[in-house]
N, C-alpha and C. Protein backbone atom coordinates (compact mmCIF):
# COMPACT_ATOMS: atom_id res chain seq x y z
N MET A 1 39.11 43.28 -13.00
CA MET A 1 39.97 43.93 -12.17
C MET A 1 39.03 45.36 -12.04
N GLU A 2 38.90 45.73 -10.98
CA GLU A 2 38.23 47.27 -10.83
C GLU A 2 39.67 48.24 -10.74
N THR A 3 38.77 49.31 -11.62
CA THR A 3 39.85 50.48 -11.63
C THR A 3 39.10 51.50 -10.85
N LYS A 4 40.17 52.17 -9.94
CA LYS A 4 39.63 53.35 -9.06
C LYS A 4 39.72 54.54 -10.20
N LYS A 5 38.48 55.33 -9.88
CA LYS A 5 38.50 56.49 -10.29
C LYS A 5 38.97 57.49 -9.85
N ARG A 6 39.99 58.43 -10.26
CA ARG A 6 40.65 59.70 -9.65
C ARG A 6 39.88 60.78 -9.46
N LYS A 7 39.98 61.68 -8.64
CA LYS A 7 39.27 62.87 -8.38
C LYS A 7 39.93 63.82 -9.89
N LYS A 8 39.21 64.66 -10.21
CA LYS A 8 39.83 65.51 -11.34
C LYS A 8 40.42 66.47 -10.68
N VAL A 9 41.55 67.12 -11.45
CA VAL A 9 42.59 67.78 -10.73
C VAL A 9 42.49 69.07 -11.28
N ARG A 10 42.49 69.99 -10.56
CA ARG A 10 41.65 71.59 -11.01
C ARG A 10 43.12 72.26 -11.26
N ASN A 11 44.40 72.14 -10.17
CA ASN A 11 45.47 72.87 -10.01
C ASN A 11 46.75 72.04 -9.84
N PHE A 12 47.69 72.62 -9.43
CA PHE A 12 48.77 72.03 -8.79
C PHE A 12 48.72 71.48 -7.46
N ALA A 13 47.98 72.40 -6.82
CA ALA A 13 47.73 72.22 -5.01
C ALA A 13 46.84 70.92 -5.15
N ASP A 14 45.63 70.57 -6.19
CA ASP A 14 44.91 69.37 -6.06
C ASP A 14 45.85 68.22 -6.53
N TYR A 15 46.72 68.19 -7.45
CA TYR A 15 47.32 67.13 -7.73
C TYR A 15 48.58 66.82 -6.69
N MET A 16 49.08 68.05 -5.91
CA MET A 16 50.31 67.70 -4.96
C MET A 16 49.64 66.80 -3.81
N ASN A 17 48.19 67.28 -3.40
CA ASN A 17 47.94 66.96 -2.19
C ASN A 17 46.65 65.57 -2.61
N ASP A 18 46.79 64.98 -3.78
CA ASP A 18 46.25 63.67 -4.20
C ASP A 18 47.12 62.37 -3.75
N GLU A 19 46.94 61.92 -2.47
CA GLU A 19 47.99 60.78 -2.33
C GLU A 19 47.99 59.86 -3.13
N THR A 20 46.72 59.58 -4.21
CA THR A 20 46.92 58.48 -5.34
C THR A 20 47.85 58.84 -6.46
N ARG A 21 48.15 60.35 -6.49
CA ARG A 21 48.92 60.72 -7.52
C ARG A 21 50.31 61.10 -6.99
N VAL A 22 50.44 61.56 -5.75
CA VAL A 22 51.84 61.86 -5.17
C VAL A 22 51.90 61.32 -3.56
N SER A 23 52.80 60.25 -3.30
CA SER A 23 52.67 60.00 -1.93
C SER A 23 53.33 61.14 -0.83
N PRO A 24 52.79 61.13 0.15
CA PRO A 24 53.30 61.96 1.36
C PRO A 24 55.01 62.24 1.25
N ALA A 25 55.68 61.16 1.07
CA ALA A 25 57.32 61.07 0.93
C ALA A 25 57.53 61.87 -0.35
N ASP A 26 56.84 61.41 -1.54
CA ASP A 26 57.43 62.23 -2.61
C ASP A 26 57.11 63.69 -2.67
N ARG A 27 55.86 64.15 -2.08
CA ARG A 27 55.68 65.66 -1.79
C ARG A 27 56.38 66.27 -0.71
N GLU A 28 56.85 65.82 -0.09
CA GLU A 28 58.03 66.41 0.87
C GLU A 28 59.58 66.42 0.39
N ARG A 29 59.77 65.36 -0.51
CA ARG A 29 60.95 65.48 -1.48
C ARG A 29 60.97 66.63 -2.44
N ILE A 30 59.74 66.72 -3.08
CA ILE A 30 59.68 67.80 -3.92
C ILE A 30 59.48 69.22 -3.21
N TYR A 31 58.83 69.32 -2.32
CA TYR A 31 58.87 70.53 -1.57
C TYR A 31 60.66 71.09 -0.94
N PHE A 32 61.02 69.89 -0.44
CA PHE A 32 62.13 70.20 0.10
C PHE A 32 63.60 70.55 -1.21
N GLU A 33 63.35 69.95 -2.28
CA GLU A 33 64.13 70.17 -3.31
C GLU A 33 64.16 71.52 -3.73
N VAL A 34 62.60 72.02 -3.92
CA VAL A 34 62.39 73.42 -4.44
C VAL A 34 62.87 74.33 -3.24
N GLU A 35 62.86 74.29 -2.03
CA GLU A 35 63.01 75.01 -1.03
C GLU A 35 64.90 75.07 -1.13
N LEU A 36 65.27 74.10 -0.99
CA LEU A 36 66.69 73.98 -1.11
C LEU A 36 67.24 74.89 -2.36
N ILE A 37 66.92 74.58 -3.22
CA ILE A 37 67.42 75.19 -4.52
C ILE A 37 66.79 76.69 -4.75
N GLY A 38 65.96 76.92 -4.13
CA GLY A 38 65.44 78.28 -3.87
C GLY A 38 66.73 79.05 -3.18
N LYS A 39 66.84 78.41 -1.83
CA LYS A 39 67.83 78.84 -1.00
C LYS A 39 69.30 79.19 -1.44
N MET A 40 69.68 78.08 -2.44
CA MET A 40 70.90 78.15 -3.26
C MET A 40 71.07 79.25 -3.95
N ILE A 41 70.00 79.40 -4.74
CA ILE A 41 70.03 80.58 -5.67
C ILE A 41 70.02 82.25 -4.86
N GLU A 42 69.16 81.93 -3.90
CA GLU A 42 69.14 83.33 -3.10
C GLU A 42 70.96 83.69 -2.40
N ALA A 43 71.30 82.58 -2.22
CA ALA A 43 72.74 82.86 -1.51
C ALA A 43 73.77 83.24 -2.51
N ARG A 44 73.53 82.47 -3.59
CA ARG A 44 74.29 82.82 -4.83
C ARG A 44 74.24 84.43 -5.16
N GLU A 45 72.95 84.82 -5.16
CA GLU A 45 72.56 86.30 -5.78
C GLU A 45 73.15 87.16 -4.71
N ALA A 46 72.73 86.76 -3.30
CA ALA A 46 73.13 87.63 -2.47
C ALA A 46 74.32 88.06 -2.42
N ARG A 47 75.57 87.00 -2.80
CA ARG A 47 77.07 87.22 -2.78
C ARG A 47 77.30 87.69 -4.37
N GLY A 48 76.32 88.27 -4.97
CA GLY A 48 76.77 88.93 -6.25
C GLY A 48 77.36 87.93 -7.41
N LEU A 49 77.19 86.69 -7.08
CA LEU A 49 78.08 85.55 -8.02
C LEU A 49 76.98 85.41 -9.22
N SER A 50 77.57 85.29 -10.41
CA SER A 50 76.75 84.44 -11.57
C SER A 50 77.02 83.06 -11.42
N GLN A 51 76.30 82.53 -12.50
CA GLN A 51 76.57 80.97 -12.06
C GLN A 51 77.66 80.47 -12.40
N GLN A 52 78.33 81.23 -13.60
CA GLN A 52 79.80 80.89 -13.82
C GLN A 52 80.74 81.18 -12.59
N ALA A 53 80.63 82.22 -11.73
CA ALA A 53 81.51 82.55 -10.95
C ALA A 53 81.39 81.35 -9.76
N LEU A 54 80.09 81.01 -9.66
CA LEU A 54 80.07 79.96 -8.48
C LEU A 54 80.60 78.63 -8.99
N ALA A 55 80.43 78.45 -10.43
CA ALA A 55 81.16 77.24 -10.81
C ALA A 55 82.69 77.46 -10.72
N ASP A 56 83.36 78.49 -11.14
CA ASP A 56 84.79 78.58 -10.83
C ASP A 56 84.95 78.81 -9.10
N VAL A 57 84.41 78.87 -8.13
CA VAL A 57 84.92 78.69 -6.70
C VAL A 57 84.35 77.38 -6.18
N SER A 58 83.39 76.56 -7.09
CA SER A 58 82.86 75.35 -6.48
C SER A 58 83.47 74.16 -7.16
N GLY A 59 84.12 74.17 -8.22
CA GLY A 59 84.44 73.47 -9.13
C GLY A 59 83.28 72.30 -9.86
N VAL A 60 81.90 73.06 -9.81
CA VAL A 60 80.92 72.38 -10.45
C VAL A 60 80.74 73.19 -11.67
N LYS A 61 80.54 72.60 -12.91
CA LYS A 61 80.22 73.34 -14.09
C LYS A 61 79.23 74.06 -14.07
N GLN A 62 79.28 75.15 -14.76
CA GLN A 62 78.20 75.88 -14.90
C GLN A 62 76.93 75.46 -15.77
N PRO A 63 77.03 74.45 -16.51
CA PRO A 63 75.85 74.03 -17.03
C PRO A 63 74.95 72.89 -16.08
N ALA A 64 75.80 72.41 -15.09
CA ALA A 64 75.23 71.77 -14.26
C ALA A 64 74.56 72.54 -12.96
N ILE A 65 75.35 73.68 -12.70
CA ILE A 65 74.21 74.84 -11.82
C ILE A 65 73.24 75.28 -12.40
N ALA A 66 73.29 75.57 -13.86
CA ALA A 66 72.06 75.98 -14.31
C ALA A 66 70.88 74.73 -14.56
N ARG A 67 71.30 73.41 -14.68
CA ARG A 67 70.36 72.49 -14.29
C ARG A 67 69.68 72.41 -12.89
N LEU A 68 70.74 72.30 -12.04
CA LEU A 68 69.98 72.26 -10.71
C LEU A 68 69.10 73.38 -10.44
N GLU A 69 69.73 74.65 -10.72
CA GLU A 69 68.74 76.03 -10.38
C GLU A 69 67.41 76.20 -11.19
N SER A 70 67.35 75.09 -12.44
CA SER A 70 65.99 75.18 -13.01
C SER A 70 65.10 73.72 -12.67
N LEU A 71 65.76 73.34 -11.50
CA LEU A 71 65.14 71.91 -11.21
C LEU A 71 64.89 70.74 -12.26
N LYS A 72 65.93 70.91 -13.55
CA LYS A 72 65.94 69.94 -14.14
C LYS A 72 66.85 68.59 -13.97
N ALA A 73 67.60 69.07 -12.83
CA ALA A 73 68.51 67.79 -12.11
C ALA A 73 68.17 67.78 -10.68
N THR A 74 68.39 66.45 -10.02
CA THR A 74 68.21 66.36 -8.74
C THR A 74 69.80 66.37 -8.09
N PRO A 75 70.33 67.14 -7.48
CA PRO A 75 71.51 67.29 -6.88
C PRO A 75 71.92 66.13 -6.31
N GLN A 76 73.34 65.55 -6.53
CA GLN A 76 74.18 64.56 -5.53
C GLN A 76 74.47 65.41 -4.17
N ILE A 77 74.74 64.47 -3.21
CA ILE A 77 75.18 65.41 -2.06
C ILE A 77 76.44 65.85 -2.12
N ASP A 78 77.35 65.19 -2.66
CA ASP A 78 78.59 65.75 -2.88
C ASP A 78 78.65 67.09 -3.68
N THR A 79 77.90 66.96 -4.74
CA THR A 79 77.53 68.25 -5.61
C THR A 79 77.14 69.49 -4.59
N LEU A 80 75.94 69.33 -3.83
CA LEU A 80 75.52 70.11 -3.05
C LEU A 80 76.61 70.74 -1.92
N PHE A 81 77.45 69.97 -1.26
CA PHE A 81 78.60 70.62 -0.82
C PHE A 81 79.46 71.20 -1.44
N LYS A 82 79.74 70.88 -2.35
CA LYS A 82 80.50 71.58 -3.39
C LYS A 82 80.08 73.07 -3.62
N ILE A 83 78.99 73.04 -3.75
CA ILE A 83 78.10 74.34 -4.21
C ILE A 83 77.99 75.48 -3.04
N LEU A 84 77.34 74.59 -1.84
CA LEU A 84 77.03 75.35 -0.88
C LEU A 84 78.35 75.86 0.26
N THR A 85 79.16 74.93 0.27
CA THR A 85 80.39 75.58 0.93
C THR A 85 81.02 76.95 0.56
N PRO A 86 81.44 77.18 -0.77
CA PRO A 86 81.71 78.54 -0.81
C PRO A 86 80.59 79.40 -0.77
N LEU A 87 79.48 79.10 -0.50
CA LEU A 87 78.19 80.04 -0.33
C LEU A 87 78.08 80.45 1.38
N GLY A 88 78.78 79.53 1.93
CA GLY A 88 78.82 79.77 3.35
C GLY A 88 77.83 79.00 4.25
N TYR A 89 77.28 77.92 3.43
CA TYR A 89 76.25 76.92 3.95
C TYR A 89 76.46 75.86 3.99
N THR A 90 75.96 74.75 4.59
CA THR A 90 76.19 73.31 4.75
C THR A 90 74.71 72.78 4.98
N LEU A 91 74.56 71.51 5.21
CA LEU A 91 73.32 70.74 5.22
C LEU A 91 73.09 70.16 6.32
N GLN A 92 72.07 69.88 7.23
CA GLN A 92 72.10 69.13 8.35
C GLN A 92 70.90 68.63 8.36
N ILE A 93 70.64 67.38 9.29
CA ILE A 93 69.33 67.02 9.55
C ILE A 93 68.97 67.33 10.87
N VAL A 94 67.45 67.53 10.67
CA VAL A 94 67.01 68.04 11.83
C VAL A 94 65.72 67.40 12.01
N PRO A 95 65.16 67.23 13.30
CA PRO A 95 63.95 66.63 13.40
C PRO A 95 62.90 67.38 12.79
N ILE A 96 61.85 66.41 12.32
CA ILE A 96 60.53 67.18 11.62
C ILE A 96 59.52 67.83 13.01
N GLN A 97 59.30 68.86 12.80
CA GLN A 97 58.35 69.64 13.62
C GLN A 97 56.84 69.33 13.58
N HIS A 98 56.51 68.49 14.46
CA HIS A 98 55.01 68.41 14.39
C HIS A 98 53.84 69.00 15.01
N GLU A 99 53.11 69.52 14.35
CA GLU A 99 52.14 70.50 15.16
C GLU A 99 51.39 69.79 16.25
N ALA A 100 51.25 70.49 17.20
CA ALA A 100 50.40 69.79 18.58
C ALA A 100 49.10 69.79 18.13
N ILE A 101 48.30 68.61 18.55
CA ILE A 101 46.89 68.12 18.20
C ILE A 101 46.09 68.97 19.33
């Protein structure tokens, strides 16, 4: 059985762009999650809400919000709606924009 030798990883970008380590679909999911949670934090802070205040208006417990914001948990769709709705946001599916060749 032949073993493929992987390229040496020098930084996070090298790791993320190595398709033998992270598939294109996984890479998109990771980037989406980071962007989504970042926007959620920005929206919460822009409204002057603490995690506890968001928990009070969303019905999602503060420790769960903390885990989401620290990327230690992947949010379920229903949880996202509970959190995003009081922040004035929703989710939607949009086509992928491909660059012109």
